[in-house]
Amino acid sequence: MSQHGPRHPILSVAPERLHPTQLTVGRAEVAAKRAQWHALGAKKRKALIASHWFPGVLGPQGAVYIVDHHHFGLAMLLEGVERVPVIVQRDFSWLAPDTFWRTMEFNRWAHPYDDRGQRTDYAAIPSRLSELRDDPYRTLAARVREAGGCAKDATPYAEFLWADFFRARLKPAAVAKGGDKLLQRALLLAHGHDAGYLPGWSGLIE
């Protein structure tokens, strides 16, 4: 752990004290992570927590904001996990709130978009993981990636871009219903020319 040096201290933080940097998650993904957790014994649960370090930033008044792993964080909160490890990427605790959020977005560490894909004020970002809204299109984007429709990409908020792509092409009722038929439609769209601008696009299928 010393390889991270003094600029990247590791904190042990209760999940209820973690502050999100986005408005939504795919609740179905959270449920899947909880199911995986239930299938593990005590030793493997401990190992899983130890291997999932949350990248974080210290915000105003020393609050801990996570910039990734929101689904896992919410799952651990709902499962009653007492502590999770957070690697502090930057200390912005001395910034005023407006400056903090502008800086976070500039660094691509904040995603102030709601469950309709609309830009919001920073004040709309919830203060607790338990307040994150469900976005079924975000779940669909994850399902498409897992089914080979696109490659995992390191671009920040890549799956939100995919979610917005599907949001413009698939009706909410169909996405809420889910199922294999919806996934097949989404996979065809994911391999189409119109998706070529998205991170992780895997090309046309002849």
N, C-alpha and C. Protein backbone atom coordinates (compact mmCIF):
# COMPACT_ATOMS: atom_id res chain seq x y z
N MET A 1 0.80 -1.20 0.00
CA MET A 1 0.00 0.00 0.00
C MET A 1 0.84 1.26 0.00
N SER A 2 2.07 1.14 0.42
CA SER A 2 2.93 2.32 0.48
C SER A 2 3.25 2.88 -0.89
N GLN A 3 3.01 2.09 -1.95
CA GLN A 3 3.31 2.55 -3.30
C GLN A 3 2.47 3.77 -3.67
N HIS A 4 1.37 3.99 -2.99
CA HIS A 4 0.53 5.13 -3.31
C HIS A 4 1.09 6.43 -2.75
N GLY A 5 1.92 6.34 -1.72
CA GLY A 5 2.58 7.52 -1.18
C GLY A 5 1.63 8.41 -0.41
N PRO A 6 2.15 9.48 0.14
CA PRO A 6 1.35 10.36 0.99
C PRO A 6 0.26 11.10 0.25
N ARG A 7 0.35 11.22 -1.07
CA ARG A 7 -0.67 11.93 -1.82
C ARG A 7 -1.92 11.09 -2.02
N HIS A 8 -1.84 9.80 -1.73
CA HIS A 8 -2.98 8.92 -1.91
C HIS A 8 -3.24 8.11 -0.64
N PRO A 9 -3.63 8.79 0.43
CA PRO A 9 -3.91 8.05 1.67
C PRO A 9 -5.12 7.14 1.50
N ILE A 10 -5.14 6.08 2.26
CA ILE A 10 -6.25 5.13 2.22
C ILE A 10 -7.07 5.29 3.49
N LEU A 11 -8.34 5.54 3.35
CA LEU A 11 -9.24 5.72 4.47
C LEU A 11 -10.15 4.50 4.60
N SER A 12 -10.63 4.25 5.78
CA SER A 12 -11.65 3.25 6.03
C SER A 12 -12.93 4.01 6.38
N VAL A 13 -13.93 3.91 5.51
CA VAL A 13 -15.11 4.77 5.62
C VAL A 13 -16.39 3.94 5.64
N ALA A 14 -17.33 4.31 6.50
CA ALA A 14 -18.63 3.66 6.51
C ALA A 14 -19.38 4.02 5.23
N PRO A 15 -20.02 3.06 4.54
CA PRO A 15 -20.72 3.36 3.29
C PRO A 15 -21.73 4.49 3.40
N GLU A 16 -22.39 4.64 4.55
CA GLU A 16 -23.37 5.71 4.67
C GLU A 16 -22.73 7.10 4.69
N ARG A 17 -21.40 7.15 4.85
CA ARG A 17 -20.70 8.43 4.83
C ARG A 17 -20.12 8.76 3.45
N LEU A 18 -20.26 7.86 2.51
CA LEU A 18 -19.75 8.10 1.16
C LEU A 18 -20.74 9.00 0.41
N HIS A 19 -20.20 10.01 -0.26
CA HIS A 19 -21.04 10.92 -1.04
C HIS A 19 -20.90 10.59 -2.53
N PRO A 20 -22.00 10.44 -3.24
CA PRO A 20 -21.93 10.15 -4.68
C PRO A 20 -21.55 11.38 -5.50
N THR A 21 -21.12 11.14 -6.73
CA THR A 21 -20.80 12.22 -7.66
C THR A 21 -21.64 12.09 -8.92
N GLN A 22 -22.74 11.35 -8.84
CA GLN A 22 -23.68 11.20 -9.93
C GLN A 22 -25.07 11.08 -9.33
N LEU A 23 -26.09 11.11 -10.18
CA LEU A 23 -27.47 11.08 -9.69
C LEU A 23 -28.12 9.71 -9.76
N THR A 24 -27.63 8.85 -10.64
CA THR A 24 -28.34 7.61 -10.91
C THR A 24 -27.43 6.39 -10.88
N VAL A 25 -28.06 5.24 -10.73
CA VAL A 25 -27.43 3.94 -10.92
C VAL A 25 -28.46 3.04 -11.60
N GLY A 26 -28.03 1.87 -12.00
CA GLY A 26 -28.96 0.85 -12.45
C GLY A 26 -29.28 -0.04 -11.26
N ARG A 27 -30.48 0.08 -10.72
CA ARG A 27 -30.81 -0.67 -9.50
C ARG A 27 -30.73 -2.18 -9.72
N ALA A 28 -30.97 -2.64 -10.95
CA ALA A 28 -30.84 -4.07 -11.22
C ALA A 28 -29.39 -4.52 -11.06
N GLU A 29 -28.45 -3.65 -11.41
CA GLU A 29 -27.03 -3.96 -11.21
C GLU A 29 -26.70 -4.06 -9.72
N VAL A 30 -27.29 -3.15 -8.96
CA VAL A 30 -27.08 -3.18 -7.51
C VAL A 30 -27.62 -4.49 -6.93
N ALA A 31 -28.80 -4.89 -7.38
CA ALA A 31 -29.39 -6.14 -6.92
C ALA A 31 -28.51 -7.34 -7.27
N ALA A 32 -27.91 -7.31 -8.46
CA ALA A 32 -27.03 -8.40 -8.89
C ALA A 32 -25.79 -8.48 -7.99
N LYS A 33 -25.26 -7.33 -7.62
CA LYS A 33 -24.09 -7.32 -6.74
C LYS A 33 -24.45 -7.82 -5.34
N ARG A 34 -25.66 -7.52 -4.90
CA ARG A 34 -26.11 -8.03 -3.60
C ARG A 34 -26.26 -9.55 -3.66
N ALA A 35 -26.77 -10.06 -4.78
CA ALA A 35 -26.91 -11.50 -4.93
C ALA A 35 -25.55 -12.19 -4.92
N GLN A 36 -24.57 -11.59 -5.58
CA GLN A 36 -23.21 -12.13 -5.57
C GLN A 36 -22.65 -12.15 -4.15
N TRP A 37 -22.93 -11.10 -3.41
CA TRP A 37 -22.47 -11.00 -2.02
C TRP A 37 -23.07 -12.11 -1.17
N HIS A 38 -24.35 -12.38 -1.37
CA HIS A 38 -25.04 -13.41 -0.59
C HIS A 38 -24.46 -14.80 -0.85
N ALA A 39 -23.88 -14.98 -2.04
CA ALA A 39 -23.34 -16.29 -2.40
C ALA A 39 -21.95 -16.54 -1.82
N LEU A 40 -21.36 -15.53 -1.20
CA LEU A 40 -19.99 -15.65 -0.68
C LEU A 40 -19.99 -15.97 0.81
N GLY A 41 -18.96 -16.70 1.21
CA GLY A 41 -18.74 -16.93 2.62
C GLY A 41 -18.02 -15.75 3.25
N ALA A 42 -17.81 -15.80 4.55
CA ALA A 42 -17.22 -14.67 5.28
C ALA A 42 -15.82 -14.33 4.77
N LYS A 43 -15.00 -15.33 4.50
CA LYS A 43 -13.62 -15.10 4.06
C LYS A 43 -13.59 -14.41 2.69
N LYS A 44 -14.43 -14.90 1.77
CA LYS A 44 -14.45 -14.31 0.43
C LYS A 44 -15.07 -12.92 0.45
N ARG A 45 -16.01 -12.68 1.35
CA ARG A 45 -16.57 -11.34 1.48
C ARG A 45 -15.49 -10.35 1.92
N LYS A 46 -14.70 -10.76 2.88
CA LYS A 46 -13.61 -9.91 3.37
C LYS A 46 -12.61 -9.61 2.25
N ALA A 47 -12.29 -10.63 1.45
CA ALA A 47 -11.36 -10.44 0.34
C ALA A 47 -11.94 -9.51 -0.72
N LEU A 48 -13.25 -9.63 -0.96
CA LEU A 48 -13.90 -8.77 -1.96
C LEU A 48 -13.83 -7.31 -1.54
N ILE A 49 -14.13 -7.03 -0.28
CA ILE A 49 -14.06 -5.66 0.22
C ILE A 49 -12.63 -5.13 0.09
N ALA A 50 -11.66 -5.95 0.46
CA ALA A 50 -10.26 -5.51 0.43
C ALA A 50 -9.78 -5.21 -0.98
N SER A 51 -10.38 -5.87 -1.98
CA SER A 51 -9.94 -5.68 -3.36
C SER A 51 -10.68 -4.57 -4.09
N HIS A 52 -11.74 -4.04 -3.49
CA HIS A 52 -12.53 -2.98 -4.12
C HIS A 52 -12.27 -1.65 -3.44
N TRP A 53 -11.17 -1.03 -3.80
CA TRP A 53 -10.84 0.28 -3.27
C TRP A 53 -11.62 1.34 -4.04
N PHE A 54 -12.28 2.19 -3.32
CA PHE A 54 -13.06 3.25 -3.94
C PHE A 54 -12.17 4.47 -4.19
N PRO A 55 -12.04 4.93 -5.43
CA PRO A 55 -11.32 6.18 -5.66
C PRO A 55 -12.16 7.34 -5.15
N GLY A 56 -11.56 8.18 -4.33
CA GLY A 56 -12.33 9.25 -3.72
C GLY A 56 -11.64 10.59 -3.74
N VAL A 57 -12.41 11.62 -3.45
CA VAL A 57 -11.91 12.99 -3.36
C VAL A 57 -12.49 13.60 -2.09
N LEU A 58 -11.65 14.32 -1.35
CA LEU A 58 -12.14 15.02 -0.17
C LEU A 58 -12.76 16.35 -0.60
N GLY A 59 -14.01 16.56 -0.22
CA GLY A 59 -14.72 17.77 -0.58
C GLY A 59 -14.86 18.71 0.60
N PRO A 60 -15.70 19.75 0.44
CA PRO A 60 -15.91 20.72 1.52
C PRO A 60 -16.23 20.04 2.85
N GLN A 61 -15.62 20.57 3.89
CA GLN A 61 -15.78 20.07 5.26
C GLN A 61 -15.27 18.64 5.42
N GLY A 62 -14.39 18.21 4.51
CA GLY A 62 -13.77 16.90 4.61
C GLY A 62 -14.65 15.74 4.21
N ALA A 63 -15.79 16.01 3.59
CA ALA A 63 -16.68 14.93 3.14
C ALA A 63 -15.97 14.08 2.08
N VAL A 64 -16.25 12.78 2.10
CA VAL A 64 -15.60 11.85 1.18
C VAL A 64 -16.53 11.58 0.00
N TYR A 65 -16.09 11.98 -1.19
CA TYR A 65 -16.86 11.77 -2.43
C TYR A 65 -16.20 10.66 -3.23
N ILE A 66 -16.98 9.67 -3.65
CA ILE A 66 -16.42 8.60 -4.49
C ILE A 66 -16.66 8.93 -5.96
N VAL A 67 -15.71 8.57 -6.79
CA VAL A 67 -15.80 8.90 -8.21
C VAL A 67 -15.96 7.66 -9.07
N ASP A 68 -16.17 6.50 -8.44
CA ASP A 68 -16.42 5.25 -9.17
C ASP A 68 -17.00 4.24 -8.18
N HIS A 69 -17.46 3.11 -8.70
CA HIS A 69 -17.99 2.00 -7.89
C HIS A 69 -19.26 2.37 -7.12
N HIS A 70 -20.10 3.22 -7.69
CA HIS A 70 -21.33 3.61 -7.00
C HIS A 70 -22.26 2.41 -6.79
N HIS A 71 -22.33 1.52 -7.78
CA HIS A 71 -23.21 0.35 -7.65
C HIS A 71 -22.75 -0.56 -6.50
N PHE A 72 -21.46 -0.81 -6.46
CA PHE A 72 -20.92 -1.66 -5.40
C PHE A 72 -21.08 -0.98 -4.04
N GLY A 73 -20.86 0.33 -4.00
CA GLY A 73 -21.01 1.06 -2.75
C GLY A 73 -22.42 1.00 -2.21
N LEU A 74 -23.40 1.17 -3.10
CA LEU A 74 -24.80 1.10 -2.67
C LEU A 74 -25.15 -0.32 -2.22
N ALA A 75 -24.64 -1.31 -2.92
CA ALA A 75 -24.89 -2.69 -2.53
C ALA A 75 -24.34 -2.97 -1.14
N MET A 76 -23.14 -2.49 -0.87
CA MET A 76 -22.53 -2.71 0.44
C MET A 76 -23.27 -1.95 1.53
N LEU A 77 -23.77 -0.78 1.21
CA LEU A 77 -24.58 -0.03 2.17
C LEU A 77 -25.83 -0.82 2.54
N LEU A 78 -26.52 -1.32 1.52
CA LEU A 78 -27.75 -2.06 1.75
C LEU A 78 -27.51 -3.39 2.47
N GLU A 79 -26.30 -3.92 2.33
CA GLU A 79 -25.95 -5.18 2.99
C GLU A 79 -25.42 -4.96 4.40
N GLY A 80 -25.32 -3.70 4.82
CA GLY A 80 -24.89 -3.42 6.18
C GLY A 80 -23.40 -3.54 6.44
N VAL A 81 -22.60 -3.46 5.38
CA VAL A 81 -21.14 -3.50 5.55
C VAL A 81 -20.70 -2.27 6.34
N GLU A 82 -19.84 -2.48 7.31
CA GLU A 82 -19.47 -1.38 8.22
C GLU A 82 -18.45 -0.42 7.63
N ARG A 83 -17.46 -0.94 6.90
CA ARG A 83 -16.38 -0.09 6.40
C ARG A 83 -15.91 -0.57 5.02
N VAL A 84 -15.51 0.38 4.19
CA VAL A 84 -14.91 0.07 2.89
C VAL A 84 -13.67 0.95 2.71
N PRO A 85 -12.69 0.49 1.93
CA PRO A 85 -11.47 1.29 1.73
C PRO A 85 -11.64 2.33 0.63
N VAL A 86 -11.16 3.53 0.89
CA VAL A 86 -11.23 4.63 -0.07
C VAL A 86 -9.82 5.19 -0.28
N ILE A 87 -9.38 5.26 -1.53
CA ILE A 87 -8.10 5.88 -1.85
C ILE A 87 -8.37 7.34 -2.23
N VAL A 88 -7.81 8.26 -1.49
CA VAL A 88 -8.03 9.69 -1.73
C VAL A 88 -7.15 10.15 -2.89
N GLN A 89 -7.80 10.50 -4.01
CA GLN A 89 -7.08 10.97 -5.18
C GLN A 89 -6.62 12.42 -5.03
N ARG A 90 -7.51 13.26 -4.50
CA ARG A 90 -7.20 14.68 -4.30
C ARG A 90 -7.90 15.19 -3.05
N ASP A 91 -7.30 16.20 -2.45
CA ASP A 91 -7.91 16.87 -1.31
C ASP A 91 -8.38 18.25 -1.75
N PHE A 92 -9.70 18.38 -1.94
CA PHE A 92 -10.31 19.66 -2.31
C PHE A 92 -11.17 20.20 -1.16
N SER A 93 -10.84 19.78 0.03
CA SER A 93 -11.68 20.15 1.18
C SER A 93 -11.68 21.64 1.47
N TRP A 94 -10.71 22.37 0.93
CA TRP A 94 -10.61 23.80 1.19
C TRP A 94 -11.36 24.65 0.17
N LEU A 95 -11.96 24.00 -0.83
CA LEU A 95 -12.68 24.75 -1.86
C LEU A 95 -14.11 25.05 -1.44
N ALA A 96 -14.64 26.18 -1.93
CA ALA A 96 -16.05 26.49 -1.75
C ALA A 96 -16.87 25.49 -2.57
N PRO A 97 -18.10 25.18 -2.16
CA PRO A 97 -18.89 24.15 -2.85
C PRO A 97 -19.01 24.35 -4.36
N ASP A 98 -19.31 25.55 -4.83
CA ASP A 98 -19.46 25.77 -6.27
C ASP A 98 -18.16 25.50 -7.01
N THR A 99 -17.05 25.97 -6.44
CA THR A 99 -15.74 25.74 -7.06
C THR A 99 -15.40 24.26 -7.04
N PHE A 100 -15.74 23.60 -5.94
CA PHE A 100 -15.48 22.16 -5.82
C PHE A 100 -16.16 21.40 -6.94
N TRP A 101 -17.45 21.65 -7.16
CA TRP A 101 -18.19 20.89 -8.16
C TRP A 101 -17.73 21.23 -9.58
N ARG A 102 -17.42 22.49 -9.83
CA ARG A 102 -16.90 22.83 -11.17
C ARG A 102 -15.58 22.13 -11.42
N THR A 103 -14.74 22.07 -10.39
CA THR A 103 -13.46 21.39 -10.52
C THR A 103 -13.65 19.89 -10.71
N MET A 104 -14.58 19.32 -9.99
CA MET A 104 -14.86 17.89 -10.14
C MET A 104 -15.34 17.57 -11.55
N GLU A 105 -16.24 18.38 -12.07
CA GLU A 105 -16.74 18.12 -13.44
C GLU A 105 -15.64 18.34 -14.47
N PHE A 106 -14.81 19.34 -14.28
CA PHE A 106 -13.71 19.59 -15.20
C PHE A 106 -12.78 18.37 -15.27
N ASN A 107 -12.57 17.73 -14.12
CA ASN A 107 -11.71 16.55 -14.05
C ASN A 107 -12.44 15.26 -14.42
N ARG A 108 -13.71 15.38 -14.82
CA ARG A 108 -14.53 14.23 -15.18
C ARG A 108 -14.72 13.30 -13.99
N TRP A 109 -14.87 13.92 -12.83
CA TRP A 109 -15.14 13.18 -11.59
C TRP A 109 -16.56 13.43 -11.09
N ALA A 110 -17.38 14.07 -11.88
CA ALA A 110 -18.77 14.29 -11.51
C ALA A 110 -19.62 14.20 -12.78
N HIS A 111 -20.84 13.68 -12.61
CA HIS A 111 -21.74 13.47 -13.74
C HIS A 111 -23.13 13.97 -13.36
N PRO A 112 -23.37 15.28 -13.48
CA PRO A 112 -24.65 15.86 -13.03
C PRO A 112 -25.78 15.73 -14.05
N TYR A 113 -26.15 14.49 -14.35
CA TYR A 113 -27.22 14.21 -15.30
C TYR A 113 -28.23 13.28 -14.64
N ASP A 114 -29.51 13.54 -14.88
CA ASP A 114 -30.56 12.80 -14.18
C ASP A 114 -30.97 11.53 -14.92
N ASP A 115 -32.05 10.89 -14.45
CA ASP A 115 -32.50 9.63 -15.02
C ASP A 115 -33.20 9.79 -16.36
N ARG A 116 -33.27 11.00 -16.88
CA ARG A 116 -33.75 11.25 -18.24
C ARG A 116 -32.61 11.68 -19.15
N GLY A 117 -31.39 11.69 -18.60
CA GLY A 117 -30.23 12.11 -19.36
C GLY A 117 -30.10 13.62 -19.46
N GLN A 118 -30.84 14.35 -18.62
CA GLN A 118 -30.83 15.81 -18.67
C GLN A 118 -29.83 16.39 -17.67
N ARG A 119 -29.15 17.45 -18.10
CA ARG A 119 -28.19 18.15 -17.23
C ARG A 119 -28.94 18.80 -16.07
N THR A 120 -28.35 18.69 -14.87
CA THR A 120 -28.97 19.27 -13.68
C THR A 120 -28.01 20.23 -13.00
N ASP A 121 -28.52 20.91 -11.99
CA ASP A 121 -27.65 21.69 -11.12
C ASP A 121 -26.86 20.74 -10.23
N TYR A 122 -25.71 21.19 -9.75
CA TYR A 122 -24.91 20.35 -8.85
C TYR A 122 -25.69 20.01 -7.58
N ALA A 123 -26.57 20.92 -7.17
CA ALA A 123 -27.34 20.70 -5.94
C ALA A 123 -28.25 19.48 -6.04
N ALA A 124 -28.53 19.01 -7.26
CA ALA A 124 -29.40 17.85 -7.44
C ALA A 124 -28.67 16.54 -7.17
N ILE A 125 -27.35 16.56 -7.14
CA ILE A 125 -26.60 15.34 -6.84
C ILE A 125 -26.87 14.96 -5.39
N PRO A 126 -27.34 13.75 -5.14
CA PRO A 126 -27.72 13.38 -3.77
C PRO A 126 -26.51 13.35 -2.83
N SER A 127 -26.80 13.49 -1.57
CA SER A 127 -25.73 13.52 -0.57
C SER A 127 -25.40 12.14 -0.03
N ARG A 128 -26.23 11.15 -0.33
CA ARG A 128 -26.01 9.79 0.16
C ARG A 128 -26.25 8.79 -0.96
N LEU A 129 -25.55 7.66 -0.90
CA LEU A 129 -25.73 6.62 -1.92
C LEU A 129 -27.16 6.09 -1.93
N SER A 130 -27.79 6.06 -0.78
CA SER A 130 -29.15 5.54 -0.70
C SER A 130 -30.16 6.39 -1.47
N GLU A 131 -29.78 7.61 -1.84
CA GLU A 131 -30.67 8.52 -2.53
C GLU A 131 -30.50 8.49 -4.05
N LEU A 132 -29.61 7.64 -4.54
CA LEU A 132 -29.40 7.54 -5.98
C LEU A 132 -30.64 6.99 -6.67
N ARG A 133 -31.01 7.59 -7.79
CA ARG A 133 -32.20 7.17 -8.53
C ARG A 133 -31.88 6.01 -9.47
N ASP A 134 -32.91 5.28 -9.80
CA ASP A 134 -32.76 4.18 -10.75
C ASP A 134 -32.87 4.70 -12.18
N ASP A 135 -31.95 4.24 -13.04
CA ASP A 135 -32.03 4.52 -14.47
C ASP A 135 -31.97 3.18 -15.20
N PRO A 136 -33.11 2.65 -15.66
CA PRO A 136 -33.12 1.34 -16.34
C PRO A 136 -32.23 1.32 -17.58
N TYR A 137 -32.04 2.46 -18.22
CA TYR A 137 -31.18 2.50 -19.40
C TYR A 137 -29.72 2.26 -19.02
N ARG A 138 -29.36 2.65 -17.82
CA ARG A 138 -28.01 2.39 -17.33
C ARG A 138 -27.82 0.89 -17.13
N THR A 139 -28.85 0.22 -16.63
CA THR A 139 -28.80 -1.24 -16.50
C THR A 139 -28.70 -1.90 -17.86
N LEU A 140 -29.47 -1.40 -18.84
CA LEU A 140 -29.43 -1.96 -20.18
C LEU A 140 -28.04 -1.82 -20.79
N ALA A 141 -27.41 -0.68 -20.59
CA ALA A 141 -26.06 -0.48 -21.11
C ALA A 141 -25.09 -1.51 -20.54
N ALA A 142 -25.22 -1.81 -19.26
CA ALA A 142 -24.36 -2.81 -18.63
C ALA A 142 -24.64 -4.20 -19.21
N ARG A 143 -25.91 -4.51 -19.43
CA ARG A 143 -26.27 -5.82 -19.99
C ARG A 143 -25.70 -5.99 -21.40
N VAL A 144 -25.76 -4.93 -22.17
CA VAL A 144 -25.22 -4.97 -23.54
C VAL A 144 -23.72 -5.23 -23.50
N ARG A 145 -23.02 -4.54 -22.63
CA ARG A 145 -21.58 -4.74 -22.51
C ARG A 145 -21.27 -6.17 -22.09
N GLU A 146 -21.99 -6.67 -21.10
CA GLU A 146 -21.76 -8.04 -20.62
C GLU A 146 -22.06 -9.08 -21.69
N ALA A 147 -22.98 -8.75 -22.61
CA ALA A 147 -23.34 -9.68 -23.68
C ALA A 147 -22.43 -9.54 -24.90
N GLY A 148 -21.41 -8.70 -24.82
CA GLY A 148 -20.46 -8.54 -25.91
C GLY A 148 -20.84 -7.49 -26.93
N GLY A 149 -21.82 -6.65 -26.62
CA GLY A 149 -22.23 -5.61 -27.55
C GLY A 149 -21.25 -4.47 -27.68
N CYS A 150 -20.41 -4.30 -26.67
CA CYS A 150 -19.36 -3.29 -26.72
C CYS A 150 -18.28 -3.70 -25.73
N ALA A 151 -17.12 -3.10 -25.87
CA ALA A 151 -16.01 -3.43 -24.99
C ALA A 151 -16.01 -2.52 -23.76
N LYS A 152 -15.50 -3.04 -22.67
CA LYS A 152 -15.35 -2.20 -21.47
C LYS A 152 -14.32 -1.12 -21.79
N ASP A 153 -14.63 0.10 -21.43
CA ASP A 153 -13.78 1.24 -21.80
C ASP A 153 -13.49 2.06 -20.56
N ALA A 154 -12.26 2.60 -20.49
CA ALA A 154 -11.85 3.38 -19.32
C ALA A 154 -12.37 4.81 -19.35
N THR A 155 -13.03 5.20 -20.44
CA THR A 155 -13.57 6.55 -20.52
C THR A 155 -14.54 6.79 -19.36
N PRO A 156 -14.34 7.87 -18.59
CA PRO A 156 -15.26 8.13 -17.48
C PRO A 156 -16.71 8.22 -17.94
N TYR A 157 -17.59 7.54 -17.21
CA TYR A 157 -19.03 7.57 -17.46
C TYR A 157 -19.41 7.02 -18.83
N ALA A 158 -18.60 6.08 -19.34
CA ALA A 158 -18.86 5.51 -20.66
C ALA A 158 -20.24 4.88 -20.75
N GLU A 159 -20.66 4.16 -19.70
CA GLU A 159 -21.95 3.48 -19.77
C GLU A 159 -23.12 4.47 -19.71
N PHE A 160 -22.88 5.66 -19.18
CA PHE A 160 -23.93 6.68 -19.23
C PHE A 160 -24.12 7.17 -20.66
N LEU A 161 -23.05 7.24 -21.43
CA LEU A 161 -23.16 7.62 -22.84
C LEU A 161 -23.96 6.57 -23.61
N TRP A 162 -23.68 5.30 -23.31
CA TRP A 162 -24.44 4.22 -23.94
C TRP A 162 -25.91 4.27 -23.51
N ALA A 163 -26.14 4.57 -22.23
CA ALA A 163 -27.52 4.67 -21.75
C ALA A 163 -28.28 5.74 -22.51
N ASP A 164 -27.65 6.89 -22.74
CA ASP A 164 -28.32 7.97 -23.46
C ASP A 164 -28.56 7.59 -24.92
N PHE A 165 -27.65 6.81 -25.49
CA PHE A 165 -27.83 6.32 -26.85
C PHE A 165 -29.09 5.46 -26.95
N PHE A 166 -29.25 4.54 -26.02
CA PHE A 166 -30.44 3.68 -26.02
C PHE A 166 -31.70 4.47 -25.64
N ARG A 167 -31.54 5.46 -24.79
CA ARG A 167 -32.68 6.27 -24.36
C ARG A 167 -33.36 6.95 -25.56
N ALA A 168 -32.57 7.33 -26.54
CA ALA A 168 -33.10 8.01 -27.71
C ALA A 168 -33.72 7.06 -28.72
N ARG A 169 -33.56 5.74 -28.52
CA ARG A 169 -33.98 4.78 -29.54
C ARG A 169 -34.93 3.69 -29.04
N LEU A 170 -35.02 3.52 -27.74
CA LEU A 170 -35.88 2.47 -27.19
C LEU A 170 -36.86 3.09 -26.20
N LYS A 171 -38.11 2.68 -26.27
CA LYS A 171 -39.15 3.27 -25.43
C LYS A 171 -38.99 2.86 -23.96
N PRO A 172 -39.31 3.77 -23.06
CA PRO A 172 -39.17 3.48 -21.63
C PRO A 172 -39.91 2.23 -21.18
N ALA A 173 -41.12 2.01 -21.70
CA ALA A 173 -41.90 0.85 -21.28
C ALA A 173 -41.19 -0.45 -21.64
N ALA A 174 -40.58 -0.49 -22.82
CA ALA A 174 -39.87 -1.69 -23.25
C ALA A 174 -38.63 -1.92 -22.39
N VAL A 175 -37.93 -0.84 -22.07
CA VAL A 175 -36.71 -0.96 -21.26
C VAL A 175 -37.07 -1.37 -19.83
N ALA A 176 -38.15 -0.83 -19.30
CA ALA A 176 -38.57 -1.20 -17.95
C ALA A 176 -38.96 -2.67 -17.88
N LYS A 177 -39.55 -3.19 -18.97
CA LYS A 177 -39.96 -4.59 -19.01
C LYS A 177 -38.76 -5.52 -19.08
N GLY A 178 -37.73 -5.09 -19.83
CA GLY A 178 -36.52 -5.89 -19.96
C GLY A 178 -36.72 -7.14 -20.79
N GLY A 179 -35.95 -8.16 -20.52
CA GLY A 179 -36.08 -9.43 -21.24
C GLY A 179 -35.09 -9.60 -22.37
N ASP A 180 -35.04 -10.81 -22.91
CA ASP A 180 -34.07 -11.14 -23.95
C ASP A 180 -34.37 -10.43 -25.27
N LYS A 181 -35.66 -10.24 -25.58
CA LYS A 181 -36.01 -9.56 -26.82
C LYS A 181 -35.46 -8.14 -26.83
N LEU A 182 -35.59 -7.45 -25.71
CA LEU A 182 -35.04 -6.10 -25.61
C LEU A 182 -33.52 -6.13 -25.77
N LEU A 183 -32.87 -7.08 -25.12
CA LEU A 183 -31.41 -7.17 -25.22
C LEU A 183 -30.97 -7.39 -26.66
N GLN A 184 -31.67 -8.23 -27.40
CA GLN A 184 -31.30 -8.47 -28.79
C GLN A 184 -31.46 -7.20 -29.63
N ARG A 185 -32.52 -6.45 -29.39
CA ARG A 185 -32.70 -5.17 -30.10
C ARG A 185 -31.57 -4.22 -29.76
N ALA A 186 -31.21 -4.17 -28.49
CA ALA A 186 -30.14 -3.27 -28.05
C ALA A 186 -28.79 -3.68 -28.65
N LEU A 187 -28.56 -4.98 -28.75
CA LEU A 187 -27.31 -5.45 -29.33
C LEU A 187 -27.19 -5.06 -30.80
N LEU A 188 -28.30 -5.16 -31.54
CA LEU A 188 -28.29 -4.73 -32.94
C LEU A 188 -27.96 -3.24 -33.04
N LEU A 189 -28.56 -2.45 -32.17
CA LEU A 189 -28.28 -1.01 -32.17
C LEU A 189 -26.82 -0.75 -31.81
N ALA A 190 -26.29 -1.51 -30.86
CA ALA A 190 -24.92 -1.31 -30.40
C ALA A 190 -23.90 -1.58 -31.49
N HIS A 191 -24.24 -2.47 -32.41
CA HIS A 191 -23.32 -2.80 -33.50
C HIS A 191 -23.61 -1.99 -34.76
N GLY A 192 -24.55 -1.07 -34.69
CA GLY A 192 -24.88 -0.27 -35.85
C GLY A 192 -23.94 0.91 -36.05
N HIS A 193 -24.04 1.51 -37.21
CA HIS A 193 -23.19 2.65 -37.55
C HIS A 193 -23.42 3.83 -36.61
N ASP A 194 -24.66 4.03 -36.19
CA ASP A 194 -24.99 5.19 -35.35
C ASP A 194 -24.28 5.16 -34.01
N ALA A 195 -23.86 3.97 -33.58
CA ALA A 195 -23.18 3.85 -32.29
C ALA A 195 -21.67 4.02 -32.40
N GLY A 196 -21.19 4.31 -33.60
CA GLY A 196 -19.76 4.34 -33.84
C GLY A 196 -18.98 5.37 -33.05
N TYR A 197 -19.67 6.38 -32.51
CA TYR A 197 -18.97 7.43 -31.75
C TYR A 197 -18.78 7.07 -30.29
N LEU A 198 -19.39 5.97 -29.84
CA LEU A 198 -19.41 5.64 -28.42
C LEU A 198 -18.15 4.90 -27.98
N PRO A 199 -17.71 5.11 -26.74
CA PRO A 199 -16.51 4.41 -26.24
C PRO A 199 -16.77 2.91 -26.15
N GLY A 200 -15.83 2.13 -26.64
CA GLY A 200 -15.96 0.68 -26.59
C GLY A 200 -16.74 0.08 -27.75
N TRP A 201 -17.13 0.92 -28.74
CA TRP A 201 -17.87 0.39 -29.89
C TRP A 201 -17.03 -0.70 -30.57
N SER A 202 -17.67 -1.85 -30.84
CA SER A 202 -16.93 -3.00 -31.36
C SER A 202 -17.14 -3.23 -32.84
N GLY A 203 -17.78 -2.30 -33.53
CA GLY A 203 -17.87 -2.38 -34.98
C GLY A 203 -19.15 -2.97 -35.50
N LEU A 204 -19.31 -2.86 -36.80
CA LEU A 204 -20.51 -3.35 -37.48
C LEU A 204 -20.51 -4.87 -37.57
N ILE A 205 -21.69 -5.44 -37.52
CA ILE A 205 -21.83 -6.88 -37.77
C ILE A 205 -22.43 -7.05 -39.15
N GLU A 206 -21.73 -7.76 -39.99
CA GLU A 206 -22.18 -7.95 -41.38
C GLU A 206 -23.31 -8.98 -41.40
